[in-house]
C-alpha cells in the first residue's frame, strides 16, 4: 500500500489526476493520497450505492474535494 500512496502523491504533485476505482486496498490508498491534488472515483454501481461500504467516509471526502463518476444511473 505504501508504494501506491507515495506514487499517487508524487503523480498528483506533478499535476496528474489519479483515477482508480473505489475498491478497498490499493485503490482506496491511492485516493486518500491524491485527495489534496485531485482524484476521480470510478464507481461500478450507481453513485447512490457505495460499495464497498467501508469506503463511505472516503467516498464522502471524494465527493467533497474531487469527482465521482459511474456509467450507471442512480437507483
N, C-alpha and C. Protein backbone atom coordinates (compact mmCIF):
# COMPACT_ATOMS: atom_id res chain seq x y z
N UNK A 1 0.81 -1.19 0.00
CA UNK A 1 0.00 0.00 0.00
C UNK A 1 0.86 1.26 0.00
N UNK A 2 1.96 1.20 0.71
CA UNK A 2 2.82 2.37 0.81
C UNK A 2 3.29 2.86 -0.54
N UNK A 3 3.59 1.94 -1.44
CA UNK A 3 4.05 2.34 -2.77
C UNK A 3 2.93 3.03 -3.54
N UNK A 4 1.71 2.51 -3.46
CA UNK A 4 0.57 3.13 -4.14
C UNK A 4 0.33 4.53 -3.60
N UNK A 5 0.42 4.69 -2.29
CA UNK A 5 0.21 6.00 -1.69
C UNK A 5 1.27 7.00 -2.14
N UNK A 6 2.54 6.59 -2.11
CA UNK A 6 3.60 7.52 -2.49
C UNK A 6 3.55 7.82 -3.99
N UNK A 7 3.24 6.82 -4.82
CA UNK A 7 3.15 7.05 -6.26
C UNK A 7 1.99 8.00 -6.58
N UNK A 8 0.84 7.80 -5.97
CA UNK A 8 -0.31 8.68 -6.19
C UNK A 8 0.01 10.10 -5.75
N UNK A 9 0.69 10.24 -4.64
CA UNK A 9 1.08 11.56 -4.14
C UNK A 9 2.04 12.25 -5.11
N UNK A 10 3.06 11.53 -5.54
CA UNK A 10 4.04 12.10 -6.46
C UNK A 10 3.41 12.47 -7.81
N UNK A 11 2.56 11.60 -8.33
CA UNK A 11 1.90 11.91 -9.60
C UNK A 11 0.97 13.12 -9.45
N UNK A 12 0.25 13.19 -8.34
CA UNK A 12 -0.61 14.34 -8.09
C UNK A 12 0.18 15.63 -8.02
N UNK A 13 1.32 15.60 -7.35
CA UNK A 13 2.17 16.79 -7.26
C UNK A 13 2.73 17.19 -8.63
N UNK A 14 2.79 16.24 -9.56
CA UNK A 14 3.26 16.52 -10.93
C UNK A 14 2.09 16.87 -11.85
N UNK A 15 0.93 17.19 -11.28
CA UNK A 15 -0.27 17.65 -11.99
C UNK A 15 -1.06 16.56 -12.69
N UNK A 16 -0.85 15.30 -12.32
CA UNK A 16 -1.68 14.23 -12.84
C UNK A 16 -2.87 14.05 -11.91
N UNK A 17 -4.02 13.68 -12.47
CA UNK A 17 -5.20 13.37 -11.67
C UNK A 17 -5.27 11.85 -11.55
N UNK A 18 -5.46 11.36 -10.35
CA UNK A 18 -5.50 9.94 -10.07
C UNK A 18 -6.93 9.43 -10.24
N UNK A 19 -7.10 8.33 -11.01
CA UNK A 19 -8.44 7.84 -11.35
C UNK A 19 -8.56 6.34 -11.08
N UNK A 20 -8.52 5.91 -9.83
CA UNK A 20 -8.76 4.49 -9.54
C UNK A 20 -10.25 4.23 -9.32
N UNK A 21 -10.58 2.97 -9.15
CA UNK A 21 -11.94 2.60 -8.76
C UNK A 21 -12.10 2.91 -7.27
N UNK A 22 -13.19 2.57 -6.72
CA UNK A 22 -13.45 2.84 -5.31
C UNK A 22 -13.27 1.59 -4.46
N UNK A 23 -12.48 0.62 -4.95
CA UNK A 23 -12.28 -0.63 -4.23
C UNK A 23 -11.41 -0.42 -3.00
N UNK A 24 -11.40 -1.42 -2.13
CA UNK A 24 -10.52 -1.40 -0.96
C UNK A 24 -9.09 -1.66 -1.42
N UNK A 25 -8.17 -1.45 -0.54
CA UNK A 25 -6.77 -1.76 -0.84
C UNK A 25 -6.07 -0.65 -1.59
N UNK A 26 -5.44 -1.00 -2.70
CA UNK A 26 -4.62 -0.05 -3.44
C UNK A 26 -5.44 1.12 -3.96
N UNK A 27 -6.65 0.86 -4.47
CA UNK A 27 -7.49 1.94 -4.98
C UNK A 27 -7.75 2.98 -3.89
N UNK A 28 -8.19 2.52 -2.73
CA UNK A 28 -8.50 3.44 -1.63
C UNK A 28 -7.25 4.18 -1.17
N UNK A 29 -6.12 3.48 -1.11
CA UNK A 29 -4.86 4.13 -0.71
C UNK A 29 -4.48 5.23 -1.69
N UNK A 30 -4.63 4.96 -2.98
CA UNK A 30 -4.31 5.96 -3.99
C UNK A 30 -5.23 7.17 -3.87
N UNK A 31 -6.53 6.93 -3.67
CA UNK A 31 -7.47 8.04 -3.49
C UNK A 31 -7.08 8.90 -2.29
N UNK A 32 -6.83 8.26 -1.15
CA UNK A 32 -6.50 9.03 0.06
C UNK A 32 -5.28 9.93 -0.16
N UNK A 33 -4.29 9.42 -0.86
CA UNK A 33 -3.08 10.21 -1.09
C UNK A 33 -3.30 11.31 -2.12
N UNK A 34 -4.25 11.11 -3.02
CA UNK A 34 -4.45 12.07 -4.11
C UNK A 34 -5.53 13.10 -3.85
N UNK A 35 -6.27 12.99 -2.77
CA UNK A 35 -7.34 13.95 -2.50
C UNK A 35 -6.82 15.40 -2.52
N UNK A 36 -5.67 15.71 -1.93
CA UNK A 36 -5.21 17.10 -1.95
C UNK A 36 -4.87 17.64 -3.35
N UNK A 37 -4.52 16.74 -4.29
CA UNK A 37 -4.08 17.20 -5.61
C UNK A 37 -5.07 16.88 -6.72
N UNK A 38 -6.02 16.00 -6.48
CA UNK A 38 -7.05 15.69 -7.46
C UNK A 38 -7.24 14.20 -7.67
N UNK A 39 -8.47 13.76 -7.46
CA UNK A 39 -8.78 12.35 -7.67
C UNK A 39 -10.20 12.20 -8.19
N UNK A 40 -10.40 11.17 -9.00
CA UNK A 40 -11.72 10.86 -9.54
C UNK A 40 -12.03 9.42 -9.16
N UNK A 41 -13.13 9.21 -8.46
CA UNK A 41 -13.54 7.86 -8.06
C UNK A 41 -14.46 7.25 -9.09
N UNK A 42 -14.04 6.16 -9.69
CA UNK A 42 -14.86 5.45 -10.67
C UNK A 42 -15.65 4.39 -9.93
N UNK A 43 -16.97 4.48 -10.02
CA UNK A 43 -17.85 3.63 -9.23
C UNK A 43 -18.53 2.63 -10.15
N UNK A 44 -18.44 1.35 -9.82
CA UNK A 44 -19.03 0.30 -10.64
C UNK A 44 -20.56 0.29 -10.56
N UNK A 45 -21.10 0.67 -9.42
CA UNK A 45 -22.56 0.73 -9.25
C UNK A 45 -23.00 2.17 -9.51
N UNK A 46 -24.25 2.47 -9.28
CA UNK A 46 -24.71 3.85 -9.37
C UNK A 46 -24.09 4.68 -8.25
N UNK A 47 -24.04 5.99 -8.42
CA UNK A 47 -23.40 6.85 -7.43
C UNK A 47 -24.13 6.87 -6.09
N UNK A 48 -25.32 6.31 -6.04
CA UNK A 48 -26.06 6.26 -4.79
C UNK A 48 -25.82 4.95 -4.03
N UNK A 49 -25.02 4.06 -4.57
CA UNK A 49 -24.69 2.80 -3.91
C UNK A 49 -23.19 2.78 -3.63
N UNK A 50 -22.83 2.94 -2.40
CA UNK A 50 -21.42 2.99 -2.04
C UNK A 50 -20.95 1.58 -1.70
N UNK A 51 -20.09 1.07 -2.55
CA UNK A 51 -19.56 -0.27 -2.34
C UNK A 51 -18.07 -0.25 -2.63
N UNK A 52 -17.28 -0.78 -1.77
CA UNK A 52 -17.61 -1.44 -0.52
C UNK A 52 -18.01 -0.43 0.55
N UNK A 53 -18.87 -0.85 1.45
CA UNK A 53 -19.41 0.06 2.45
C UNK A 53 -18.35 0.65 3.37
N UNK A 54 -17.22 -0.03 3.53
CA UNK A 54 -16.18 0.52 4.40
C UNK A 54 -15.51 1.75 3.79
N UNK A 55 -15.82 2.06 2.53
CA UNK A 55 -15.27 3.26 1.89
C UNK A 55 -16.22 4.46 1.95
N UNK A 56 -17.24 4.40 2.80
CA UNK A 56 -18.21 5.51 2.88
C UNK A 56 -17.56 6.86 3.19
N UNK A 57 -16.68 6.90 4.16
CA UNK A 57 -16.02 8.16 4.51
C UNK A 57 -15.12 8.65 3.37
N UNK A 58 -14.41 7.73 2.75
CA UNK A 58 -13.57 8.08 1.62
C UNK A 58 -14.42 8.62 0.47
N UNK A 59 -15.54 7.94 0.19
CA UNK A 59 -16.46 8.39 -0.85
C UNK A 59 -16.95 9.81 -0.57
N UNK A 60 -17.34 10.08 0.67
CA UNK A 60 -17.82 11.41 1.05
C UNK A 60 -16.73 12.47 0.86
N UNK A 61 -15.50 12.11 1.19
CA UNK A 61 -14.39 13.05 1.02
C UNK A 61 -14.13 13.33 -0.46
N UNK A 62 -14.21 12.30 -1.30
CA UNK A 62 -14.00 12.50 -2.74
C UNK A 62 -15.13 13.33 -3.33
N UNK A 63 -16.37 13.09 -2.90
CA UNK A 63 -17.49 13.91 -3.38
C UNK A 63 -17.26 15.38 -3.01
N UNK A 64 -16.73 15.61 -1.82
CA UNK A 64 -16.49 16.98 -1.34
C UNK A 64 -15.32 17.65 -2.07
N UNK A 65 -14.23 16.92 -2.27
CA UNK A 65 -13.00 17.53 -2.77
C UNK A 65 -12.54 17.03 -4.13
N UNK A 66 -13.27 16.11 -4.73
CA UNK A 66 -12.87 15.55 -6.01
C UNK A 66 -14.08 15.33 -6.90
N UNK A 67 -14.08 14.22 -7.61
CA UNK A 67 -15.16 13.90 -8.54
C UNK A 67 -15.44 12.40 -8.46
N UNK A 68 -16.70 12.02 -8.60
CA UNK A 68 -17.06 10.61 -8.74
C UNK A 68 -17.82 10.44 -10.05
N UNK A 69 -17.62 9.31 -10.70
CA UNK A 69 -18.32 9.01 -11.95
C UNK A 69 -18.80 7.58 -11.94
N UNK A 70 -19.88 7.34 -12.68
CA UNK A 70 -20.41 5.99 -12.84
C UNK A 70 -21.12 5.93 -14.17
N UNK A 71 -21.09 4.78 -14.81
CA UNK A 71 -21.85 4.61 -16.05
C UNK A 71 -23.30 4.28 -15.78
N UNK A 72 -23.63 4.01 -14.53
CA UNK A 72 -24.98 3.62 -14.15
C UNK A 72 -25.74 4.76 -13.52
N UNK A 73 -27.03 4.83 -13.83
CA UNK A 73 -27.90 5.84 -13.23
C UNK A 73 -28.17 5.47 -11.77
N UNK A 74 -28.43 6.47 -10.91
CA UNK A 74 -28.81 6.16 -9.53
C UNK A 74 -30.09 5.32 -9.53
N UNK A 75 -30.22 4.47 -8.52
CA UNK A 75 -31.43 3.62 -8.43
C UNK A 75 -32.54 4.34 -7.74
